PDB file of N, CA and C in Angstrom:
ATOM      1  N   MET A   1       9.281   9.055  71.295  1.00  0.00           N
ATOM      2  CA  MET A   1       7.931   9.377  70.880  1.00  0.00           C
ATOM      3  C   MET A   1       6.898   8.709  71.785  1.00  0.00           C
ATOM      4  N   ASN A   2       7.255   7.563  72.377  1.00  0.00           N
ATOM      5  CA  ASN A   2       6.300   6.865  73.251  1.00  0.00           C
ATOM      6  C   ASN A   2       5.960   7.665  74.491  1.00  0.00           C
ATOM      7  N   HIS A   3       6.825   8.572  74.862  1.00  0.00           N
ATOM      8  CA  HIS A   3       6.631   9.322  76.104  1.00  0.00           C
ATOM      9  C   HIS A   3       6.001  10.693  75.884  1.00  0.00           C
ATOM     10  N   LEU A   4       5.659  10.997  74.648  1.00  0.00           N
ATOM     11  CA  LEU A   4       5.041  12.290  74.373  1.00  0.00           C
ATOM     12  C   LEU A   4       3.526  12.190  74.456  1.00  0.00           C
ATOM     13  N   GLU A   5       2.953  13.161  75.110  1.00  0.00           N
ATOM     14  CA  GLU A   5       1.494  13.219  75.226  1.00  0.00           C
ATOM     15  C   GLU A   5       0.882  13.889  74.005  1.00  0.00           C
ATOM     16  N   ARG A   6       1.570  14.887  73.527  1.00  0.00           N
ATOM     17  CA  ARG A   6       1.072  15.637  72.380  1.00  0.00           C
ATOM     18  C   ARG A   6       2.267  16.248  71.665  1.00  0.00           C
ATOM     19  N   ALA A   7       1.997  16.892  70.559  1.00  0.00           N
ATOM     20  CA  ALA A   7       3.044  17.578  69.800  1.00  0.00           C
ATOM     21  C   ALA A   7       2.529  18.954  69.407  1.00  0.00           C
ATOM     22  N   ASP A   8       3.434  19.788  68.982  1.00  0.00           N
ATOM     23  CA  ASP A   8       3.037  21.094  68.479  1.00  0.00           C
ATOM     24  C   ASP A   8       3.784  21.369  67.174  1.00  0.00           C
ATOM     25  N   ARG A   9       3.566  22.534  66.638  1.00  0.00           N
ATOM     26  CA  ARG A   9       4.133  22.871  65.336  1.00  0.00           C
ATOM     27  C   ARG A   9       5.661  22.867  65.360  1.00  0.00           C
ATOM     28  N   ASP A  10       6.254  23.392  66.421  1.00  0.00           N
ATOM     29  CA  ASP A  10       7.716  23.450  66.488  1.00  0.00           C
ATOM     30  C   ASP A  10       8.334  22.056  66.549  1.00  0.00           C
ATOM     31  N   LEU A  11       7.729  21.174  67.295  1.00  0.00           N
ATOM     32  CA  LEU A  11       8.224  19.800  67.353  1.00  0.00           C
ATOM     33  C   LEU A  11       8.063  19.120  65.995  1.00  0.00           C
ATOM     34  N   ALA A  12       6.963  19.397  65.321  1.00  0.00           N
ATOM     35  CA  ALA A  12       6.757  18.838  63.984  1.00  0.00           C
ATOM     36  C   ALA A  12       7.856  19.320  63.034  1.00  0.00           C
ATOM     37  N   TRP A  13       8.240  20.586  63.140  1.00  0.00           N
ATOM     38  CA  TRP A  13       9.313  21.101  62.295  1.00  0.00           C
ATOM     39  C   TRP A  13      10.643  20.428  62.607  1.00  0.00           C
ATOM     40  N   LEU A  14      10.903  20.186  63.875  1.00  0.00           N
ATOM     41  CA  LEU A  14      12.128  19.464  64.231  1.00  0.00           C
ATOM     42  C   LEU A  14      12.131  18.071  63.607  1.00  0.00           C
ATOM     43  N   HIS A  15      10.989  17.417  63.616  1.00  0.00           N
ATOM     44  CA  HIS A  15      10.908  16.089  63.015  1.00  0.00           C
ATOM     45  C   HIS A  15      11.008  16.155  61.487  1.00  0.00           C
ATOM     46  N   ILE A  16      10.535  17.215  60.894  1.00  0.00           N
ATOM     47  CA  ILE A  16      10.702  17.390  59.449  1.00  0.00           C
ATOM     48  C   ILE A  16      12.184  17.576  59.114  1.00  0.00           C
ATOM     49  N   TRP A  17      12.902  18.341  59.938  1.00  0.00           N
ATOM     50  CA  TRP A  17      14.338  18.495  59.735  1.00  0.00           C
ATOM     51  C   TRP A  17      15.060  17.168  59.899  1.00  0.00           C
ATOM     52  N   PHE A  18      14.589  16.358  60.853  1.00  0.00           N
ATOM     53  CA  PHE A  18      15.175  15.026  61.032  1.00  0.00           C
ATOM     54  C   PHE A  18      14.972  14.199  59.762  1.00  0.00           C
ATOM     55  N   LEU A  19      13.770  14.235  59.202  1.00  0.00           N
ATOM     56  CA  LEU A  19      13.499  13.489  57.974  1.00  0.00           C
ATOM     57  C   LEU A  19      14.321  14.015  56.804  1.00  0.00           C
ATOM     58  N   ALA A  20      14.594  15.311  56.793  1.00  0.00           N
ATOM     59  CA  ALA A  20      15.466  15.871  55.755  1.00  0.00           C
ATOM     60  C   ALA A  20      16.875  15.290  55.879  1.00  0.00           C
ATOM     61  N   ALA A  21      17.343  15.131  57.115  1.00  0.00           N
ATOM     62  CA  ALA A  21      18.655  14.510  57.328  1.00  0.00           C
ATOM     63  C   ALA A  21      18.629  13.045  56.889  1.00  0.00           C
ATOM     64  N   VAL A  22      17.520  12.375  57.129  1.00  0.00           N
ATOM     65  CA  VAL A  22      17.373  10.987  56.679  1.00  0.00           C
ATOM     66  C   VAL A  22      17.452  10.926  55.154  1.00  0.00           C
ATOM     67  N   ALA A  23      16.861  11.901  54.492  1.00  0.00           N
ATOM     68  CA  ALA A  23      16.893  11.940  53.031  1.00  0.00           C
ATOM     69  C   ALA A  23      18.310  12.136  52.496  1.00  0.00           C
ATOM     70  N   LEU A  24      19.198  12.728  53.282  1.00  0.00           N
ATOM     71  CA  LEU A  24      20.588  12.913  52.863  1.00  0.00           C
ATOM     72  C   LEU A  24      21.447  11.674  53.088  1.00  0.00           C
ATOM     73  N   MET A  25      20.958  10.725  53.879  1.00  0.00           N
ATOM     74  CA  MET A  25      21.751   9.554  54.234  1.00  0.00           C
ATOM     75  C   MET A  25      22.182   8.731  53.010  1.00  0.00           C
ATOM     76  N   PRO A  26      21.313   8.480  52.026  1.00  0.00           N
ATOM     77  CA  PRO A  26      21.789   7.727  50.860  1.00  0.00           C
ATOM     78  C   PRO A  26      22.945   8.431  50.126  1.00  0.00           C
ATOM     79  N   PHE A  27      22.903   9.759  50.070  1.00  0.00           N
ATOM     80  CA  PHE A  27      23.990  10.505  49.434  1.00  0.00           C
ATOM     81  C   PHE A  27      25.301  10.296  50.178  1.00  0.00           C
ATOM     82  N   SER A  28      25.281  10.492  51.506  1.00  0.00           N
ATOM     83  CA  SER A  28      26.531  10.368  52.263  1.00  0.00           C
ATOM     84  C   SER A  28      27.026   8.923  52.298  1.00  0.00           C
ATOM     85  N   THR A  29      26.113   7.972  52.303  1.00  0.00           N
ATOM     86  CA  THR A  29      26.510   6.565  52.276  1.00  0.00           C
ATOM     87  C   THR A  29      27.141   6.216  50.926  1.00  0.00           C
ATOM     88  N   ARG A  30      26.529   6.679  49.855  1.00  0.00           N
ATOM     89  CA  ARG A  30      27.074   6.420  48.508  1.00  0.00           C
ATOM     90  C   ARG A  30      28.436   7.090  48.344  1.00  0.00           C
ATOM     91  N   LEU A  31      28.563   8.303  48.852  1.00  0.00           N
ATOM     92  CA  LEU A  31      29.841   9.006  48.796  1.00  0.00           C
ATOM     93  C   LEU A  31      30.914   8.213  49.523  1.00  0.00           C
ATOM     94  N   LEU A  32      30.582   7.712  50.685  1.00  0.00           N
ATOM     95  CA  LEU A  32      31.535   6.907  51.453  1.00  0.00           C
ATOM     96  C   LEU A  32      31.866   5.618  50.720  1.00  0.00           C
ATOM     97  N   ALA A  33      30.876   4.985  50.108  1.00  0.00           N
ATOM     98  CA  ALA A  33      31.113   3.727  49.394  1.00  0.00           C
ATOM     99  C   ALA A  33      32.034   3.940  48.183  1.00  0.00           C
ATOM    100  N   GLU A  34      31.863   5.050  47.497  1.00  0.00           N
ATOM    101  CA  GLU A  34      32.672   5.291  46.301  1.00  0.00           C
ATOM    102  C   GLU A  34      34.081   5.801  46.614  1.00  0.00           C
ATOM    103  N   PHE A  35      34.209   6.509  47.731  1.00  0.00           N
ATOM    104  CA  PHE A  35      35.510   7.066  48.103  1.00  0.00           C
ATOM    105  C   PHE A  35      35.903   6.559  49.491  1.00  0.00           C
ATOM    106  N   ILE A  36      35.890   5.255  49.654  1.00  0.00           N
ATOM    107  CA  ILE A  36      36.041   4.629  50.968  1.00  0.00           C
ATOM    108  C   ILE A  36      37.402   4.913  51.604  1.00  0.00           C
ATOM    109  N   GLU A  37      38.387   5.189  50.815  1.00  0.00           N
ATOM    110  CA  GLU A  37      39.726   5.415  51.361  1.00  0.00           C
ATOM    111  C   GLU A  37      39.983   6.876  51.745  1.00  0.00           C
ATOM    112  N   TYR A  38      39.030   7.738  51.464  1.00  0.00           N
ATOM    113  CA  TYR A  38      39.209   9.161  51.755  1.00  0.00           C
ATOM    114  C   TYR A  38      38.518   9.530  53.068  1.00  0.00           C
ATOM    115  N   GLY A  39      39.280  10.155  53.926  1.00  0.00           N
ATOM    116  CA  GLY A  39      38.733  10.586  55.206  1.00  0.00           C
ATOM    117  C   GLY A  39      37.639  11.631  55.063  1.00  0.00           C
ATOM    118  N   THR A  40      37.710  12.425  54.017  1.00  0.00           N
ATOM    119  CA  THR A  40      36.696  13.458  53.803  1.00  0.00           C
ATOM    120  C   THR A  40      35.317  12.844  53.594  1.00  0.00           C
ATOM    121  N   ALA A  41      35.258  11.761  52.828  1.00  0.00           N
ATOM    122  CA  ALA A  41      33.971  11.078  52.605  1.00  0.00           C
ATOM    123  C   ALA A  41      33.430  10.543  53.920  1.00  0.00           C
ATOM    124  N   LEU A  42      34.317  10.028  54.749  1.00  0.00           N
ATOM    125  CA  LEU A  42      33.880   9.526  56.048  1.00  0.00           C
ATOM    126  C   LEU A  42      33.389  10.667  56.936  1.00  0.00           C
ATOM    127  N   LEU A  43      34.033  11.803  56.858  1.00  0.00           N
ATOM    128  CA  LEU A  43      33.594  12.950  57.660  1.00  0.00           C
ATOM    129  C   LEU A  43      32.235  13.475  57.198  1.00  0.00           C
ATOM    130  N   VAL A  44      31.956  13.416  55.905  1.00  0.00           N
ATOM    131  CA  VAL A  44      30.631  13.798  55.406  1.00  0.00           C
ATOM    132  C   VAL A  44      29.589  12.843  55.966  1.00  0.00           C
ATOM    133  N   TYR A  45      29.898  11.548  55.947  1.00  0.00           N
ATOM    134  CA  TYR A  45      28.990  10.538  56.513  1.00  0.00           C
ATOM    135  C   TYR A  45      28.769  10.802  58.000  1.00  0.00           C
ATOM    136  N   TRP A  46      29.861  11.077  58.725  1.00  0.00           N
ATOM    137  CA  TRP A  46      29.757  11.341  60.158  1.00  0.00           C
ATOM    138  C   TRP A  46      28.948  12.609  60.429  1.00  0.00           C
ATOM    139  N   CYS A  47      29.126  13.621  59.617  1.00  0.00           N
ATOM    140  CA  CYS A  47      28.334  14.848  59.793  1.00  0.00           C
ATOM    141  C   CYS A  47      26.851  14.568  59.632  1.00  0.00           C
ATOM    142  N   ASN A  48      26.514  13.682  58.712  1.00  0.00           N
ATOM    143  CA  ASN A  48      25.115  13.294  58.544  1.00  0.00           C
ATOM    144  C   ASN A  48      24.588  12.632  59.816  1.00  0.00           C
ATOM    145  N   ILE A  49      25.383  11.747  60.390  1.00  0.00           N
ATOM    146  CA  ILE A  49      24.996  11.092  61.644  1.00  0.00           C
ATOM    147  C   ILE A  49      24.922  12.116  62.778  1.00  0.00           C
ATOM    148  N   LEU A  50      25.848  13.055  62.792  1.00  0.00           N
ATOM    149  CA  LEU A  50      25.844  14.101  63.814  1.00  0.00           C
ATOM    150  C   LEU A  50      24.566  14.932  63.744  1.00  0.00           C
ATOM    151  N   VAL A  51      24.128  15.241  62.544  1.00  0.00           N
ATOM    152  CA  VAL A  51      22.888  16.009  62.380  1.00  0.00           C
ATOM    153  C   VAL A  51      21.708  15.233  62.968  1.00  0.00           C
ATOM    154  N   PHE A  52      21.676  13.902  62.757  1.00  0.00           N
ATOM    155  CA  PHE A  52      20.623  13.077  63.377  1.00  0.00           C
ATOM    156  C   PHE A  52      20.598  13.280  64.882  1.00  0.00           C
ATOM    157  N   GLY A  53      21.771  13.129  65.489  1.00  0.00           N
ATOM    158  CA  GLY A  53      21.853  13.224  66.938  1.00  0.00           C
ATOM    159  C   GLY A  53      21.497  14.596  67.462  1.00  0.00           C
ATOM    160  N   VAL A  54      21.966  15.627  66.795  1.00  0.00           N
ATOM    161  CA  VAL A  54      21.677  16.991  67.241  1.00  0.00           C
ATOM    162  C   VAL A  54      20.177  17.271  67.164  1.00  0.00           C
ATOM    163  N   ILE A  55      19.552  16.852  66.081  1.00  0.00           N
ATOM    164  CA  ILE A  55      18.116  17.102  65.938  1.00  0.00           C
ATOM    165  C   ILE A  55      17.321  16.289  66.952  1.00  0.00           C
ATOM    166  N   LEU A  56      17.691  15.028  67.163  1.00  0.00           N
ATOM    167  CA  LEU A  56      16.994  14.222  68.182  1.00  0.00           C
ATOM    168  C   LEU A  56      17.143  14.845  69.565  1.00  0.00           C
ATOM    169  N   PHE A  57      18.352  15.276  69.878  1.00  0.00           N
ATOM    170  CA  PHE A  57      18.605  15.899  71.167  1.00  0.00           C
ATOM    171  C   PHE A  57      17.781  17.175  71.326  1.00  0.00           C
ATOM    172  N   CYS A  58      17.772  17.995  70.288  1.00  0.00           N
ATOM    173  CA  CYS A  58      16.991  19.241  70.334  1.00  0.00           C
ATOM    174  C   CYS A  58      15.494  18.956  70.455  1.00  0.00           C
ATOM    175  N   ALA A  59      15.024  17.959  69.746  1.00  0.00           N
ATOM    176  CA  ALA A  59      13.599  17.615  69.809  1.00  0.00           C
ATOM    177  C   ALA A  59      13.216  17.155  71.213  1.00  0.00           C
ATOM    178  N   TRP A  60      14.056  16.335  71.832  1.00  0.00           N
ATOM    179  CA  TRP A  60      13.738  15.868  73.181  1.00  0.00           C
ATOM    180  C   TRP A  60      13.816  17.010  74.185  1.00  0.00           C
ATOM    181  N   ARG A  61      14.846  17.834  74.068  1.00  0.00           N
ATOM    182  CA  ARG A  61      14.959  18.987  74.967  1.00  0.00           C
ATOM    183  C   ARG A  61      13.776  19.930  74.791  1.00  0.00           C
ATOM    184  N   TYR A  62      13.377  20.148  73.562  1.00  0.00           N
ATOM    185  CA  TYR A  62      12.226  21.004  73.313  1.00  0.00           C
ATOM    186  C   TYR A  62      10.966  20.385  73.922  1.00  0.00           C
ATOM    187  N   SER A  63      10.817  19.085  73.773  1.00  0.00           N
ATOM    188  CA  SER A  63       9.641  18.400  74.328  1.00  0.00           C
ATOM    189  C   SER A  63       9.575  18.570  75.841  1.00  0.00           C
ATOM    190  N   LYS A  64      10.735  18.492  76.492  1.00  0.00           N
ATOM    191  CA  LYS A  64      10.753  18.695  77.945  1.00  0.00           C
ATOM    192  C   LYS A  64      10.401  20.139  78.295  1.00  0.00           C
ATOM    193  N   ARG A  65      11.016  21.078  77.589  1.00  0.00           N
ATOM    194  CA  ARG A  65      10.794  22.492  77.886  1.00  0.00           C
ATOM    195  C   ARG A  65       9.364  22.930  77.591  1.00  0.00           C
ATOM    196  N   ALA A  66       8.748  22.363  76.555  1.00  0.00           N
ATOM    197  CA  ALA A  66       7.392  22.754  76.165  1.00  0.00           C
ATOM    198  C   ALA A  66       6.319  21.915  76.867  1.00  0.00           C
ATOM    199  N   HIS A  67       6.743  21.057  77.794  1.00  0.00           N
ATOM    200  CA  HIS A  67       5.813  20.229  78.569  1.00  0.00           C
ATOM    201  C   HIS A  67       4.945  19.351  77.666  1.00  0.00           C
ATOM    202  N   LEU A  68       5.580  18.704  76.707  1.00  0.00           N
ATOM    203  CA  LEU A  68       4.870  17.815  75.796  1.00  0.00           C
ATOM    204  C   LEU A  68       4.937  16.354  76.244  1.00  0.00           C
ATOM    205  N   ILE A  69       5.696  16.107  77.297  1.00  0.00           N
ATOM    206  CA  ILE A  69       5.885  14.736  77.778  1.00  0.00           C
ATOM    207  C   ILE A  69       4.679  14.304  78.595  1.00  0.00           C
ATOM    208  N   ARG A  70       4.302  13.039  78.427  1.00  0.00           N
ATOM    209  CA  ARG A  70       3.168  12.464  79.139  1.00  0.00           C
ATOM    210  C   ARG A  70       3.344  12.645  80.650  1.00  0.00           C
ATOM    211  N   ALA A  71       2.274  12.984  81.335  1.00  0.00           N
ATOM    212  CA  ALA A  71       2.324  13.333  82.756  1.00  0.00           C
ATOM    213  C   ALA A  71       2.853  12.204  83.636  1.00  0.00           C
ATOM    214  N   GLY A  72       2.554  10.973  83.341  1.00  0.00           N
ATOM    215  CA  GLY A  72       2.962   9.864  84.195  1.00  0.00           C
ATOM    216  C   GLY A  72       4.349   9.329  83.936  1.00  0.00           C
ATOM    217  N   THR A  73       5.100   9.963  83.062  1.00  0.00           N
ATOM    218  CA  THR A  73       6.440   9.474  82.727  1.00  0.00           C
ATOM    219  C   THR A  73       7.393   9.707  83.894  1.00  0.00           C
ATOM    220  N   PRO A  74       8.037   8.637  84.389  1.00  0.00           N
ATOM    221  CA  PRO A  74       8.963   8.794  85.519  1.00  0.00           C
ATOM    222  C   PRO A  74      10.138   9.721  85.174  1.00  0.00           C
ATOM    223  N   ALA A  75      10.594  10.432  86.170  1.00  0.00           N
ATOM    224  CA  ALA A  75      11.690  11.387  85.966  1.00  0.00           C
ATOM    225  C   ALA A  75      12.969  10.689  85.503  1.00  0.00           C
ATOM    226  N   GLN A  76      13.176   9.430  85.931  1.00  0.00           N
ATOM    227  CA  GLN A  76      14.373   8.696  85.521  1.00  0.00           C
ATOM    228  C   GLN A  76      14.374   8.462  84.010  1.00  0.00           C
ATOM    229  N   ILE A  77      13.211   8.181  83.454  1.00  0.00           N
ATOM    230  CA  ILE A  77      13.121   7.950  82.012  1.00  0.00           C
ATOM    231  C   ILE A  77      13.358   9.251  81.264  1.00  0.00           C
ATOM    232  N   VAL A  78      12.776  10.318  81.751  1.00  0.00           N
ATOM    233  CA  VAL A  78      12.958  11.623  81.107  1.00  0.00           C
ATOM    234  C   VAL A  78      14.439  11.991  81.095  1.00  0.00           C
ATOM    235  N   ALA A  79      15.122  11.748  82.200  1.00  0.00           N
ATOM    236  CA  ALA A  79      16.547  12.066  82.281  1.00  0.00           C
ATOM    237  C   ALA A  79      17.389  11.084  81.478  1.00  0.00           C
ATOM    238  N   ALA A  80      16.949   9.842  81.381  1.00  0.00           N
ATOM    239  CA  ALA A  80      17.745   8.803  80.729  1.00  0.00           C
ATOM    240  C   ALA A  80      17.716   8.878  79.208  1.00  0.00           C
ATOM    241  N   ILE A  81      16.802   9.577  78.625  1.00  0.00           N
ATOM    242  CA  ILE A  81      16.717   9.615  77.165  1.00  0.00           C
ATOM    243  C   ILE A  81      17.846  10.436  76.553  1.00  0.00           C
ATOM    244  N   ASP A  82      18.338  11.436  77.245  1.00  0.00           N
ATOM    245  CA  ASP A  82      19.455  12.235  76.741  1.00  0.00           C
ATOM    246  C   ASP A  82      20.744  11.418  76.634  1.00  0.00           C
ATOM    247  N   ARG A  83      20.971  10.529  77.584  1.00  0.00           N
ATOM    248  CA  ARG A  83      22.243   9.804  77.655  1.00  0.00           C
ATOM    249  C   ARG A  83      22.585   8.995  76.418  1.00  0.00           C
ATOM    250  N   PRO A  84      21.678   8.149  75.908  1.00  0.00           N
ATOM    251  CA  PRO A  84      22.070   7.379  74.713  1.00  0.00           C
ATOM    252  C   PRO A  84      22.356   8.255  73.495  1.00  0.00           C
ATOM    253  N   ILE A  85      21.648   9.357  73.382  1.00  0.00           N
ATOM    254  CA  ILE A  85      21.896  10.250  72.243  1.00  0.00           C
ATOM    255  C   ILE A  85      23.295  10.840  72.356  1.00  0.00           C
ATOM    256  N   VAL A  86      23.638  11.353  73.526  1.00  0.00           N
ATOM    257  CA  VAL A  86      24.946  11.989  73.719  1.00  0.00           C
ATOM    258  C   VAL A  86      26.065  10.950  73.644  1.00  0.00           C
ATOM    259  N   SER A  87      25.873   9.795  74.278  1.00  0.00           N
ATOM    260  CA  SER A  87      26.941   8.789  74.250  1.00  0.00           C
ATOM    261  C   SER A  87      27.155   8.242  72.844  1.00  0.00           C
ATOM    262  N   ALA A  88      26.084   8.056  72.088  1.00  0.00           N
ATOM    263  CA  ALA A  88      26.245   7.584  70.709  1.00  0.00           C
ATOM    264  C   ALA A  88      27.013   8.606  69.885  1.00  0.00           C
ATOM    265  N   GLN A  89      26.691   9.875  70.054  1.00  0.00           N
ATOM    266  CA  GLN A  89      27.387  10.904  69.284  1.00  0.00           C
ATOM    267  C   GLN A  89      28.865  10.975  69.663  1.00  0.00           C
ATOM    268  N   CYS A  90      29.169  10.768  70.931  1.00  0.00           N
ATOM    269  CA  CYS A  90      30.576  10.740  71.354  1.00  0.00           C
ATOM    270  C   CYS A  90      31.307   9.555  70.729  1.00  0.00           C
ATOM    271  N   LEU A  91      30.650   8.397  70.713  1.00  0.00           N
ATOM    272  CA  LEU A  91      31.258   7.216  70.088  1.00  0.00           C
ATOM    273  C   LEU A  91      31.430   7.412  68.583  1.00  0.00           C
ATOM    274  N   TYR A  92      30.459   8.033  67.940  1.00  0.00           N
ATOM    275  CA  TYR A  92      30.597   8.318  66.514  1.00  0.00           C
ATOM    276  C   TYR A  92      31.746   9.280  66.256  1.00  0.00           C
ATOM    277  N   ALA A  93      31.947  10.235  67.151  1.00  0.00           N
ATOM    278  CA  ALA A  93      33.070  11.173  67.009  1.00  0.00           C
ATOM    279  C   ALA A  93      34.402  10.434  67.131  1.00  0.00           C
ATOM    280  N   VAL A  94      34.470   9.475  68.055  1.00  0.00           N
ATOM    281  CA  VAL A  94      35.681   8.649  68.169  1.00  0.00           C
ATOM    282  C   VAL A  94      35.891   7.883  66.867  1.00  0.00           C
ATOM    283  N   GLY A  95      34.798   7.325  66.344  1.00  0.00           N
ATOM    284  CA  GLY A  95      34.893   6.609  65.078  1.00  0.00           C
ATOM    285  C   GLY A  95      35.365   7.499  63.948  1.00  0.00           C
ATOM    286  N   ALA A  96      34.874   8.720  63.907  1.00  0.00           N
ATOM    287  CA  ALA A  96      35.309   9.654  62.866  1.00  0.00           C
ATOM    288  C   ALA A  96      36.785  10.012  63.045  1.00  0.00           C
ATOM    289  N   ALA A  97      37.219  10.143  64.277  1.00  0.00           N
ATOM    290  CA  ALA A  97      38.630  10.468  64.530  1.00  0.00           C
ATOM    291  C   ALA A  97      39.545   9.322  64.118  1.00  0.00           C
ATOM    292  N   LEU A  98      39.029   8.110  64.154  1.00  0.00           N
ATOM    293  CA  LEU A  98      39.838   6.966  63.728  1.00  0.00           C
ATOM    294  C   LEU A  98      40.212   7.028  62.252  1.00  0.00           C
ATOM    295  N   CYS A  99      39.521   7.858  61.477  1.00  0.00           N
ATOM    296  CA  CYS A  99      39.875   7.968  60.053  1.00  0.00           C
ATOM    297  C   CYS A  99      41.258   8.575  59.879  1.00  0.00           C
ATOM    298  N   LEU A 100      41.784   9.202  60.936  1.00  0.00           N
ATOM    299  CA  LEU A 100      43.157   9.702  60.869  1.00  0.00           C
ATOM    300  C   LEU A 100      44.153   8.545  60.837  1.00  0.00           C
ATOM    301  N   ILE A 101      43.756   7.413  61.419  1.00  0.00           N
ATOM    302  CA  ILE A 101      44.604   6.218  61.412  1.00  0.00           C
ATOM    303  C   ILE A 101      44.342   5.409  60.147  1.00  0.00           C
ATOM    304  N   ASN A 102      43.051   5.036  59.970  1.00  0.00           N
ATOM    305  CA  ASN A 102      42.668   4.206  58.833  1.00  0.00           C
ATOM    306  C   ASN A 102      41.160   4.317  58.653  1.00  0.00           C
ATOM    307  N   THR A 103      40.716   4.566  57.443  1.00  0.00           N
ATOM    308  CA  THR A 103      39.277   4.724  57.222  1.00  0.00           C
ATOM    309  C   THR A 103      38.525   3.418  57.433  1.00  0.00           C
ATOM    310  N   TYR A 104      39.167   2.299  57.141  1.00  0.00           N
ATOM    311  CA  TYR A 104      38.489   1.013  57.333  1.00  0.00           C
ATOM    312  C   TYR A 104      38.241   0.740  58.813  1.00  0.00           C
ATOM    313  N   CYS A 105      39.197   1.079  59.663  1.00  0.00           N
ATOM    314  CA  CYS A 105      39.005   0.944  61.121  1.00  0.00           C
ATOM    315  C   CYS A 105      37.880   1.862  61.576  1.00  0.00           C
ATOM    316  N   SER A 106      37.859   3.043  61.034  1.00  0.00           N
ATOM    317  CA  SER A 106      36.827   4.013  61.390  1.00  0.00           C
ATOM    318  C   SER A 106      35.441   3.509  60.997  1.00  0.00           C
ATOM    319  N   ILE A 107      35.318   2.998  59.784  1.00  0.00           N
ATOM    320  CA  ILE A 107      34.033   2.469  59.316  1.00  0.00           C
ATOM    321  C   ILE A 107      33.609   1.287  60.162  1.00  0.00           C
ATOM    322  N   ALA A 108      34.539   0.401  60.485  1.00  0.00           N
ATOM    323  CA  ALA A 108      34.221  -0.761  61.315  1.00  0.00           C
ATOM    324  C   ALA A 108      33.739  -0.330  62.694  1.00  0.00           C
ATOM    325  N   PHE A 109      34.405   0.657  63.279  1.00  0.00           N
ATOM    326  CA  PHE A 109      34.007   1.144  64.596  1.00  0.00           C
ATOM    327  C   PHE A 109      32.607   1.753  64.552  1.00  0.00           C
ATOM    328  N   ILE A 110      32.355   2.596  63.556  1.00  0.00           N
ATOM    329  CA  ILE A 110      31.030   3.216  63.432  1.00  0.00           C
ATOM    330  C   ILE A 110      29.963   2.155  63.200  1.00  0.00           C
ATOM    331  N   PHE A 111      30.274   1.148  62.392  1.00  0.00           N
ATOM    332  CA  PHE A 111      29.330   0.053  62.161  1.00  0.00           C
ATOM    333  C   PHE A 111      29.016  -0.676  63.469  1.00  0.00           C
ATOM    334  N   LEU A 112      30.040  -0.950  64.279  1.00  0.00           N
ATOM    335  CA  LEU A 112      29.819  -1.644  65.548  1.00  0.00           C
ATOM    336  C   LEU A 112      28.984  -0.798  66.512  1.00  0.00           C
ATOM    337  N   VAL A 113      29.195   0.498  66.522  1.00  0.00           N
ATOM    338  CA  VAL A 113      28.373   1.381  67.358  1.00  0.00           C
ATOM    339  C   VAL A 113      26.922   1.332  66.890  1.00  0.00           C
ATOM    340  N   GLN A 114      26.719   1.408  65.585  1.00  0.00           N
ATOM    341  CA  GLN A 114      25.360   1.348  65.047  1.00  0.00           C
ATOM    342  C   GLN A 114      24.711   0.006  65.355  1.00  0.00           C
ATOM    343  N   LEU A 115      25.470  -1.065  65.227  1.00  0.00           N
ATOM    344  CA  LEU A 115      24.952  -2.400  65.528  1.00  0.00           C
ATOM    345  C   LEU A 115      24.575  -2.518  67.004  1.00  0.00           C
ATOM    346  N   ASP A 116      25.413  -1.974  67.875  1.00  0.00           N
ATOM    347  CA  ASP A 116      25.116  -2.011  69.305  1.00  0.00           C
ATOM    348  C   ASP A 116      23.821  -1.270  69.621  1.00  0.00           C
ATOM    349  N   TYR A 117      23.655  -0.084  69.070  1.00  0.00           N
ATOM    350  CA  TYR A 117      22.441   0.686  69.353  1.00  0.00           C
ATOM    351  C   TYR A 117      21.209   0.099  68.686  1.00  0.00           C
ATOM    352  N   ALA A 118      21.400  -0.666  67.613  1.00  0.00           N
ATOM    353  CA  ALA A 118      20.254  -1.314  66.966  1.00  0.00           C
ATOM    354  C   ALA A 118      19.823  -2.567  67.714  1.00  0.00           C
ATOM    355  N   LEU A 119      20.790  -3.333  68.229  1.00  0.00           N
ATOM    356  CA  LEU A 119      20.475  -4.612  68.865  1.00  0.00           C
ATOM    357  C   LEU A 119      20.328  -4.544  70.376  1.00  0.00           C
ATOM    358  N   ALA A 120      20.982  -3.610  71.015  1.00  0.00           N
ATOM    359  CA  ALA A 120      20.977  -3.543  72.476  1.00  0.00           C
ATOM    360  C   ALA A 120      19.581  -3.420  73.082  1.00  0.00           C
ATOM    361  N   PRO A 121      18.683  -2.591  72.542  1.00  0.00           N
ATOM    362  CA  PRO A 121      17.352  -2.505  73.157  1.00  0.00           C
ATOM    363  C   PRO A 121      16.607  -3.830  73.150  1.00  0.00           C
ATOM    364  N   SER A 122      16.737  -4.611  72.088  1.00  0.00           N
ATOM    365  CA  SER A 122      16.021  -5.897  72.059  1.00  0.00           C
ATOM    366  C   SER A 122      16.663  -6.879  73.027  1.00  0.00           C
ATOM    367  N   PHE A 123      17.993  -6.837  73.174  1.00  0.00           N
ATOM    368  CA  PHE A 123      18.637  -7.703  74.158  1.00  0.00           C
ATOM    369  C   PHE A 123      18.252  -7.329  75.581  1.00  0.00           C
ATOM    370  N   ARG A 124      18.099  -6.036  75.830  1.00  0.00           N
ATOM    371  CA  ARG A 124      17.699  -5.597  77.176  1.00  0.00           C
ATOM    372  C   ARG A 124      16.287  -6.041  77.497  1.00  0.00           C
ATOM    373  N   ARG A 125      15.393  -6.031  76.500  1.00  0.00           N
ATOM    374  CA  ARG A 125      14.029  -6.511  76.731  1.00  0.00           C
ATOM    375  C   ARG A 125      14.020  -7.994  77.047  1.00  0.00           C
ATOM    376  N   VAL A 126      14.841  -8.768  76.342  1.00  0.00           N
ATOM    377  CA  VAL A 126      14.907 -10.215  76.579  1.00  0.00           C
ATOM    378  C   VAL A 126      15.488 -10.478  77.963  1.00  0.00           C
ATOM    379  N   ALA A 127      16.480  -9.708  78.368  1.00  0.00           N
ATOM    380  CA  ALA A 127      17.112  -9.897  79.678  1.00  0.00           C
ATOM    381  C   ALA A 127      16.146  -9.586  80.814  1.00  0.00           C
ATOM    382  N   ARG A 128      15.245  -8.626  80.621  1.00  0.00           N
ATOM    383  CA  ARG A 128      14.297  -8.269  81.673  1.00  0.00           C
ATOM    384  C   ARG A 128      13.236  -9.337  81.865  1.00  0.00           C
ATOM    385  N   SER A 129      12.888 -10.083  80.810  1.00  0.00           N
ATOM    386  CA  SER A 129      11.812 -11.061  80.947  1.00  0.00           C
ATOM    387  C   SER A 129      12.278 -12.384  81.492  1.00  0.00           C
TER     388      SER A 129
END
């Protein structure tokens, strides 16, 4: 969002869909908590996370295509925003596949991926200064 100069109605709708997915997160989390040993509950949780990533990816791609990105934004940044979204979704898919072995391993892996993406940006800022 920091790199957007403006928004339009279609981008607003994409963000509304993202918020709708956020509203489903308590349901999928509760389902996973109550049926922690079932792979199906974990797959529902993973699908919720997948929807986040797909909508974020679509919103960024739409922003690029509709020329909503701020004019002074370097091309490296524009290109680099897709990578964390795609790599996180790939890691989440690996985590979901781990439920074939053990749901607890799968949950731990997904938690570590989420922790990495939550903490890594602040560590990178500290490392740069």
